[in-house]
């Protein structure tokens, strides 16, 4: 029932501000018990799709999905995007990251892990890995924010970002991801991104995680 109503809301069939039918009507429509209806509504309220108005009923919340632009770097701005740096250091990258970066077996990479916010709302956790030969002696290796981000630093080293490829999947969040993103019991969207410079050289691999319930990805493709 919750999945069906969630799909209707996301499709616009249940517009913001719409009052839901009574519990009795929902019991009849879905062929479930009153308890099941209440549980489904509680799930959707927890996800931010519905809200109760005292003495008036349950309504579709006037809140559209937040569009996160799909970009290699989102510039910080007051009231807009901001980054909280969680970790910086040399690490042994996961096997798929090492393969994508073309790091030799047992080789290390530079990791920058960050929490992206929009306003005060946590939007995304990112794990960004860089080849040590490109990043070890740059601002990227320092535990502070980098003006212009990795694109500027890598371009100054002669490796401008030319393209990237995203592999997008979904799964349930880890405990840490759920805590950092303040998620209810919902899946996350996972992007595995490989960024290339000239001659298709991989210069960054990022794993990007965001809640699947209130966010959608916005891609721009050249015509």
C-alpha atoms as a PDB file:
ATOM      1  CA  UNK A   1       0.000   0.000   0.000  1.00  0.00           C
ATOM      2  CA  UNK A   2       2.765   2.457   0.924  1.00  0.00           C
ATOM      3  CA  UNK A   3       4.611   1.688  -2.328  1.00  0.00           C
ATOM      4  CA  UNK A   4       1.463   2.246  -4.392  1.00  0.00           C
ATOM      5  CA  UNK A   5       0.672   5.590  -2.748  1.00  0.00           C
ATOM      6  CA  UNK A   6       4.300   6.703  -2.941  1.00  0.00           C
ATOM      7  CA  UNK A   7       4.280   6.012  -6.682  1.00  0.00           C
ATOM      8  CA  UNK A   8       1.052   8.004  -7.125  1.00  0.00           C
ATOM      9  CA  UNK A   9       2.505  10.978  -5.254  1.00  0.00           C
ATOM     10  CA  UNK A  10       5.753  10.921  -7.258  1.00  0.00           C
ATOM     11  CA  UNK A  11       3.769  10.676 -10.523  1.00  0.00           C
ATOM     12  CA  UNK A  12       1.598  13.658  -9.567  1.00  0.00           C
ATOM     13  CA  UNK A  13      -1.615  11.611  -9.407  1.00  0.00           C
ATOM     14  CA  UNK A  14      -1.890  12.714  -5.776  1.00  0.00           C
ATOM     15  CA  UNK A  15      -0.963  16.387  -5.953  1.00  0.00           C
ATOM     16  CA  UNK A  16       0.498  18.390  -3.047  1.00  0.00           C
ATOM     17  CA  UNK A  17      -2.252  19.495  -0.711  1.00  0.00           C
ATOM     18  CA  UNK A  18      -4.573  16.632  -1.657  1.00  0.00           C
ATOM     19  CA  UNK A  19      -6.540  15.217   1.261  1.00  0.00           C
ATOM     20  CA  UNK A  20      -6.437  11.422   1.408  1.00  0.00           C
ATOM     21  CA  UNK A  21      -9.634   9.390   1.602  1.00  0.00           C
ATOM     22  CA  UNK A  22     -10.823   8.242   5.024  1.00  0.00           C
ATOM     23  CA  UNK A  23      -9.283   5.180   6.658  1.00  0.00           C
ATOM     24  CA  UNK A  24     -12.477   3.227   5.893  1.00  0.00           C
ATOM     25  CA  UNK A  25     -12.184   4.124   2.195  1.00  0.00           C
ATOM     26  CA  UNK A  26      -8.519   3.107   2.124  1.00  0.00           C
ATOM     27  CA  UNK A  27      -9.334  -0.199   3.848  1.00  0.00           C
ATOM     28  CA  UNK A  28     -11.905  -0.876   1.112  1.00  0.00           C
ATOM     29  CA  UNK A  29      -9.694   0.293  -1.772  1.00  0.00           C
ATOM     30  CA  UNK A  30      -6.625  -1.735  -0.811  1.00  0.00           C
ATOM     31  CA  UNK A  31      -8.394  -4.702   0.803  1.00  0.00           C
ATOM     32  CA  UNK A  32      -6.316  -4.483   3.972  1.00  0.00           C
ATOM     33  CA  UNK A  33      -6.976  -4.030   7.678  1.00  0.00           C
ATOM     34  CA  UNK A  34      -7.241  -0.734   9.511  1.00  0.00           C
ATOM     35  CA  UNK A  35      -3.916  -1.520  11.220  1.00  0.00           C
ATOM     36  CA  UNK A  36      -2.195  -1.972   7.860  1.00  0.00           C
ATOM     37  CA  UNK A  37      -3.543   1.368   6.639  1.00  0.00           C
ATOM     38  CA  UNK A  38      -2.213   3.143   9.721  1.00  0.00           C
ATOM     39  CA  UNK A  39       1.208   1.502   9.324  1.00  0.00           C
ATOM     40  CA  UNK A  40       1.400   2.503   5.653  1.00  0.00           C
ATOM     41  CA  UNK A  41       0.448   6.097   6.424  1.00  0.00           C
ATOM     42  CA  UNK A  42       3.027   6.212   9.223  1.00  0.00           C
ATOM     43  CA  UNK A  43       5.724   5.063   6.783  1.00  0.00           C
ATOM     44  CA  UNK A  44       4.827   7.792   4.284  1.00  0.00           C
ATOM     45  CA  UNK A  45       4.691  10.443   7.001  1.00  0.00           C
ATOM     46  CA  UNK A  46       8.147   9.383   8.175  1.00  0.00           C
ATOM     47  CA  UNK A  47       9.454   9.710   4.610  1.00  0.00           C
ATOM     48  CA  UNK A  48       8.005  13.217   4.303  1.00  0.00           C
ATOM     49  CA  UNK A  49       5.289  12.453   1.738  1.00  0.00           C
ATOM     50  CA  UNK A  50       2.276  12.951   4.028  1.00  0.00           C
ATOM     51  CA  UNK A  51       1.353  15.200   6.923  1.00  0.00           C
ATOM     52  CA  UNK A  52      -1.531  15.169   9.419  1.00  0.00           C
ATOM     53  CA  UNK A  53      -3.648  18.248  10.088  1.00  0.00           C
ATOM     54  CA  UNK A  54      -5.310  18.173  13.468  1.00  0.00           C
ATOM     55  CA  UNK A  55      -9.022  17.471  13.076  1.00  0.00           C
ATOM     56  CA  UNK A  56      -8.851  17.715   9.271  1.00  0.00           C
ATOM     57  CA  UNK A  57      -7.205  14.520   8.048  1.00  0.00           C
ATOM     58  CA  UNK A  58      -4.071  13.385   6.234  1.00  0.00           C
ATOM     59  CA  UNK A  59      -2.709  15.404   3.301  1.00  0.00           C
ATOM     60  CA  UNK A  60      -0.030  15.051   0.657  1.00  0.00           C
ATOM     61  CA  UNK A  61       2.784  17.305   1.809  1.00  0.00           C
ATOM     62  CA  UNK A  62       3.611  20.260  -0.421  1.00  0.00           C
ATOM     63  CA  UNK A  63       7.197  19.157  -0.916  1.00  0.00           C
ATOM     64  CA  UNK A  64       8.612  18.196  -4.297  1.00  0.00           C
ATOM     65  CA  UNK A  65      11.665  15.936  -4.686  1.00  0.00           C
ATOM     66  CA  UNK A  66      14.897  17.905  -4.352  1.00  0.00           C
ATOM     67  CA  UNK A  67      16.877  17.765  -7.581  1.00  0.00           C
ATOM     68  CA  UNK A  68      20.587  17.177  -7.116  1.00  0.00           C
ATOM     69  CA  UNK A  69      22.499  18.249 -10.204  1.00  0.00           C
ATOM     70  CA  UNK A  70      24.768  15.543 -11.547  1.00  0.00           C
ATOM     71  CA  UNK A  71      28.105  17.302 -11.723  1.00  0.00           C
ATOM     72  CA  UNK A  72      31.725  16.571 -10.891  1.00  0.00           C
ATOM     73  CA  UNK A  73      31.694  19.542  -8.506  1.00  0.00           C
ATOM     74  CA  UNK A  74      28.910  21.660  -6.981  1.00  0.00           C
ATOM     75  CA  UNK A  75      30.219  25.097  -5.952  1.00  0.00           C
ATOM     76  CA  UNK A  76      29.403  26.124  -2.351  1.00  0.00           C
ATOM     77  CA  UNK A  77      27.230  29.218  -1.925  1.00  0.00           C
ATOM     78  CA  UNK A  78      25.350  30.844   0.985  1.00  0.00           C
ATOM     79  CA  UNK A  79      22.063  29.022   1.527  1.00  0.00           C
ATOM     80  CA  UNK A  80      23.031  26.516  -1.160  1.00  0.00           C
ATOM     81  CA  UNK A  81      25.542  23.685  -1.244  1.00  0.00           C
ATOM     82  CA  UNK A  82      28.236  23.313   1.398  1.00  0.00           C
ATOM     83  CA  UNK A  83      30.734  20.577   2.234  1.00  0.00           C
ATOM     84  CA  UNK A  84      31.723  19.071   5.556  1.00  0.00           C
ATOM     85  CA  UNK A  85      35.041  17.246   5.353  1.00  0.00           C
ATOM     86  CA  UNK A  86      34.871  13.914   7.192  1.00  0.00           C
ATOM     87  CA  UNK A  87      38.189  12.244   6.317  1.00  0.00           C
ATOM     88  CA  UNK A  88      41.373  12.801   4.310  1.00  0.00           C
ATOM     89  CA  UNK A  89      44.242  10.341   3.944  1.00  0.00           C
ATOM     90  CA  UNK A  90      46.039   7.650   1.982  1.00  0.00           C
ATOM     91  CA  UNK A  91      44.099   4.377   1.928  1.00  0.00           C
ATOM     92  CA  UNK A  92      43.980   1.001   0.267  1.00  0.00           C
ATOM     93  CA  UNK A  93      41.062   1.548  -2.137  1.00  0.00           C
ATOM     94  CA  UNK A  94      38.265  -1.013  -2.586  1.00  0.00           C
ATOM     95  CA  UNK A  95      39.005  -3.450  -5.422  1.00  0.00           C
ATOM     96  CA  UNK A  96      36.546  -1.904  -7.912  1.00  0.00           C
ATOM     97  CA  UNK A  97      37.893   1.567  -7.180  1.00  0.00           C
ATOM     98  CA  UNK A  98      41.478   0.372  -7.646  1.00  0.00           C
ATOM     99  CA  UNK A  99      40.530  -1.281 -10.934  1.00  0.00           C
ATOM    100  CA  UNK A 100      38.793   1.858 -12.228  1.00  0.00           C
ATOM    101  CA  UNK A 101      41.729   4.084 -11.192  1.00  0.00           C
ATOM    102  CA  UNK A 102      44.192   1.550 -12.638  1.00  0.00           C
ATOM    103  CA  UNK A 103      45.993   1.329  -9.299  1.00  0.00           C
ATOM    104  CA  UNK A 104      48.259  -1.713  -9.053  1.00  0.00           C
ATOM    105  CA  UNK A 105      47.330  -4.497  -6.644  1.00  0.00           C
ATOM    106  CA  UNK A 106      48.177  -3.418  -3.111  1.00  0.00           C
ATOM    107  CA  UNK A 107      48.624   0.192  -4.241  1.00  0.00           C
ATOM    108  CA  UNK A 108      47.194   3.103  -2.332  1.00  0.00           C
ATOM    109  CA  UNK A 109      45.100   6.119  -3.274  1.00  0.00           C
ATOM    110  CA  UNK A 110      44.192   9.438  -1.691  1.00  0.00           C
ATOM    111  CA  UNK A 111      40.695   9.536  -0.157  1.00  0.00           C
ATOM    112  CA  UNK A 112      38.582  12.601   0.587  1.00  0.00           C
ATOM    113  CA  UNK A 113      35.267  11.731   2.302  1.00  0.00           C
ATOM    114  CA  UNK A 114      32.700  14.509   2.586  1.00  0.00           C
ATOM    115  CA  UNK A 115      29.111  15.246   3.569  1.00  0.00           C
ATOM    116  CA  UNK A 116      27.267  17.498   1.120  1.00  0.00           C
ATOM    117  CA  UNK A 117      24.504  19.735   2.471  1.00  0.00           C
ATOM    118  CA  UNK A 118      21.976  21.989   0.809  1.00  0.00           C
ATOM    119  CA  UNK A 119      21.099  24.653   3.340  1.00  0.00           C
ATOM    120  CA  UNK A 120      21.018  22.712   6.595  1.00  0.00           C
ATOM    121  CA  UNK A 121      19.785  19.476   5.002  1.00  0.00           C
ATOM    122  CA  UNK A 122      22.270  16.600   4.483  1.00  0.00           C
ATOM    123  CA  UNK A 123      22.053  15.533   0.853  1.00  0.00           C
ATOM    124  CA  UNK A 124      24.940  13.220  -0.010  1.00  0.00           C
ATOM    125  CA  UNK A 125      27.986  11.381   1.317  1.00  0.00           C
ATOM    126  CA  UNK A 126      30.920  11.105  -1.062  1.00  0.00           C
ATOM    127  CA  UNK A 127      34.083   9.001  -1.053  1.00  0.00           C
ATOM    128  CA  UNK A 128      36.459  10.443  -3.665  1.00  0.00           C
ATOM    129  CA  UNK A 129      39.668   8.578  -4.544  1.00  0.00           C
ATOM    130  CA  UNK A 130      42.621  10.037  -6.474  1.00  0.00           C
ATOM    131  CA  UNK A 131      45.876   8.500  -7.787  1.00  0.00           C
ATOM    132  CA  UNK A 132      48.684   9.346  -5.391  1.00  0.00           C
ATOM    133  CA  UNK A 133      50.985  10.479  -8.193  1.00  0.00           C
ATOM    134  CA  UNK A 134      48.485  13.219  -9.046  1.00  0.00           C
ATOM    135  CA  UNK A 135      47.221  14.257  -5.615  1.00  0.00           C
ATOM    136  CA  UNK A 136      49.681  13.359  -2.849  1.00  0.00           C
ATOM    137  CA  UNK A 137      51.538  16.691  -2.838  1.00  0.00           C
ATOM    138  CA  UNK A 138      48.552  18.958  -3.574  1.00  0.00           C
ATOM    139  CA  UNK A 139      45.825  20.727  -1.598  1.00  0.00           C
ATOM    140  CA  UNK A 140      43.711  17.585  -1.961  1.00  0.00           C
ATOM    141  CA  UNK A 141      45.956  15.813   0.543  1.00  0.00           C
ATOM    142  CA  UNK A 142      45.404  18.482   3.207  1.00  0.00           C
ATOM    143  CA  UNK A 143      42.573  18.188   5.782  1.00  0.00           C
ATOM    144  CA  UNK A 144      40.727  21.330   4.765  1.00  0.00           C
ATOM    145  CA  UNK A 145      38.313  22.517   2.109  1.00  0.00           C
ATOM    146  CA  UNK A 146      39.749  23.196  -1.332  1.00  0.00           C
ATOM    147  CA  UNK A 147      38.669  26.301  -3.235  1.00  0.00           C
ATOM    148  CA  UNK A 148      37.353  25.200  -6.614  1.00  0.00           C
ATOM    149  CA  UNK A 149      37.532  21.570  -5.532  1.00  0.00           C
ATOM    150  CA  UNK A 150      39.384  18.760  -7.259  1.00  0.00           C
ATOM    151  CA  UNK A 151      38.628  20.040 -10.794  1.00  0.00           C
ATOM    152  CA  UNK A 152      40.788  23.133 -10.238  1.00  0.00           C
ATOM    153  CA  UNK A 153      43.620  21.277  -8.523  1.00  0.00           C
ATOM    154  CA  UNK A 154      43.828  18.534 -11.130  1.00  0.00           C
ATOM    155  CA  UNK A 155      43.561  21.006 -14.009  1.00  0.00           C
ATOM    156  CA  UNK A 156      46.501  22.950 -12.576  1.00  0.00           C
ATOM    157  CA  UNK A 157      48.467  19.686 -12.559  1.00  0.00           C
ATOM    158  CA  UNK A 158      47.732  19.290 -16.281  1.00  0.00           C
ATOM    159  CA  UNK A 159      44.834  16.862 -15.933  1.00  0.00           C
ATOM    160  CA  UNK A 160      41.570  18.725 -16.611  1.00  0.00           C
ATOM    161  CA  UNK A 161      38.337  16.813 -16.170  1.00  0.00           C
ATOM    162  CA  UNK A 162      36.928  15.959 -19.597  1.00  0.00           C
ATOM    163  CA  UNK A 163      34.143  13.464 -18.918  1.00  0.00           C
ATOM    164  CA  UNK A 164      32.677  11.128 -16.348  1.00  0.00           C
ATOM    165  CA  UNK A 165      30.602   7.962 -16.301  1.00  0.00           C
ATOM    166  CA  UNK A 166      28.062   7.132 -13.598  1.00  0.00           C
ATOM    167  CA  UNK A 167      26.873   3.632 -12.729  1.00  0.00           C
ATOM    168  CA  UNK A 168      23.697   4.106 -10.665  1.00  0.00           C
ATOM    169  CA  UNK A 169      22.228   1.486  -8.341  1.00  0.00           C
ATOM    170  CA  UNK A 170      20.168   1.263  -5.147  1.00  0.00           C
ATOM    171  CA  UNK A 171      20.553  -0.569  -1.854  1.00  0.00           C
ATOM    172  CA  UNK A 172      19.662  -0.179   1.799  1.00  0.00           C
ATOM    173  CA  UNK A 173      21.948   2.207   3.740  1.00  0.00           C
ATOM    174  CA  UNK A 174      24.561   1.240   6.277  1.00  0.00           C
ATOM    175  CA  UNK A 175      24.020   2.448   9.845  1.00  0.00           C
ATOM    176  CA  UNK A 176      26.574   5.234   9.338  1.00  0.00           C
ATOM    177  CA  UNK A 177      24.930   6.379   6.095  1.00  0.00           C
ATOM    178  CA  UNK A 178      21.473   6.416   7.680  1.00  0.00           C
ATOM    179  CA  UNK A 179      22.778   8.474  10.613  1.00  0.00           C
ATOM    180  CA  UNK A 180      24.716  11.024   8.549  1.00  0.00           C
ATOM    181  CA  UNK A 181      21.869  11.535   6.082  1.00  0.00           C
ATOM    182  CA  UNK A 182      19.122  11.374   8.747  1.00  0.00           C
ATOM    183  CA  UNK A 183      17.293   8.718   6.714  1.00  0.00           C
ATOM    184  CA  UNK A 184      14.112   6.856   7.579  1.00  0.00           C
ATOM    185  CA  UNK A 185      13.950   3.156   6.616  1.00  0.00           C
ATOM    186  CA  UNK A 186      14.440   3.753   2.882  1.00  0.00           C
ATOM    187  CA  UNK A 187      17.002   2.736   0.240  1.00  0.00           C
ATOM    188  CA  UNK A 188      19.825   4.960  -0.962  1.00  0.00           C
ATOM    189  CA  UNK A 189      20.860   5.885  -4.494  1.00  0.00           C
ATOM    190  CA  UNK A 190      24.481   4.899  -5.120  1.00  0.00           C
ATOM    191  CA  UNK A 191      26.530   6.424  -7.936  1.00  0.00           C
ATOM    192  CA  UNK A 192      29.864   4.904  -8.871  1.00  0.00           C
ATOM    193  CA  UNK A 193      31.537   7.684 -10.825  1.00  0.00           C
ATOM    194  CA  UNK A 194      34.746   7.534 -12.844  1.00  0.00           C
ATOM    195  CA  UNK A 195      36.126  10.884 -14.021  1.00  0.00           C
ATOM    196  CA  UNK A 196      38.489  10.999 -17.000  1.00  0.00           C
ATOM    197  CA  UNK A 197      41.026  13.500 -18.276  1.00  0.00           C
ATOM    198  CA  UNK A 198      42.731  13.628 -21.664  1.00  0.00           C
ATOM    199  CA  UNK A 199      43.377  10.326 -23.426  1.00  0.00           C
ATOM    200  CA  UNK A 200      40.719   8.697 -21.191  1.00  0.00           C
ATOM    201  CA  UNK A 201      43.020   8.698 -18.191  1.00  0.00           C
ATOM    202  CA  UNK A 202      41.029   8.070 -14.947  1.00  0.00           C
ATOM    203  CA  UNK A 203      41.861  10.793 -12.425  1.00  0.00           C
ATOM    204  CA  UNK A 204      39.108  10.343  -9.838  1.00  0.00           C
ATOM    205  CA  UNK A 205      36.676   7.664  -8.705  1.00  0.00           C
ATOM    206  CA  UNK A 206      33.826   8.723  -6.436  1.00  0.00           C
ATOM    207  CA  UNK A 207      31.145   6.763  -4.634  1.00  0.00           C
ATOM    208  CA  UNK A 208      28.152   9.035  -3.998  1.00  0.00           C
ATOM    209  CA  UNK A 209      25.308   8.044  -1.671  1.00  0.00           C
ATOM    210  CA  UNK A 210      22.010   9.889  -1.148  1.00  0.00           C
ATOM    211  CA  UNK A 211      18.530   9.028   0.110  1.00  0.00           C
ATOM    212  CA  UNK A 212      16.178   7.655  -2.540  1.00  0.00           C
ATOM    213  CA  UNK A 213      12.976   8.988  -0.966  1.00  0.00           C
ATOM    214  CA  UNK A 214      13.242  12.772  -1.329  1.00  0.00           C
ATOM    215  CA  UNK A 215      15.925  13.302  -3.955  1.00  0.00           C
ATOM    216  CA  UNK A 216      16.216  12.826  -7.691  1.00  0.00           C
ATOM    217  CA  UNK A 217      19.208  13.168 -10.015  1.00  0.00           C
ATOM    218  CA  UNK A 218      19.204  15.800 -12.742  1.00  0.00           C
ATOM    219  CA  UNK A 219      21.373  14.966 -15.784  1.00  0.00           C
ATOM    220  CA  UNK A 220      22.226  17.339 -18.637  1.00  0.00           C
ATOM    221  CA  UNK A 221      23.198  15.727 -21.943  1.00  0.00           C
ATOM    222  CA  UNK A 222      24.467  17.600 -25.013  1.00  0.00           C
ATOM    223  CA  UNK A 223      22.108  17.591 -28.010  1.00  0.00           C
END
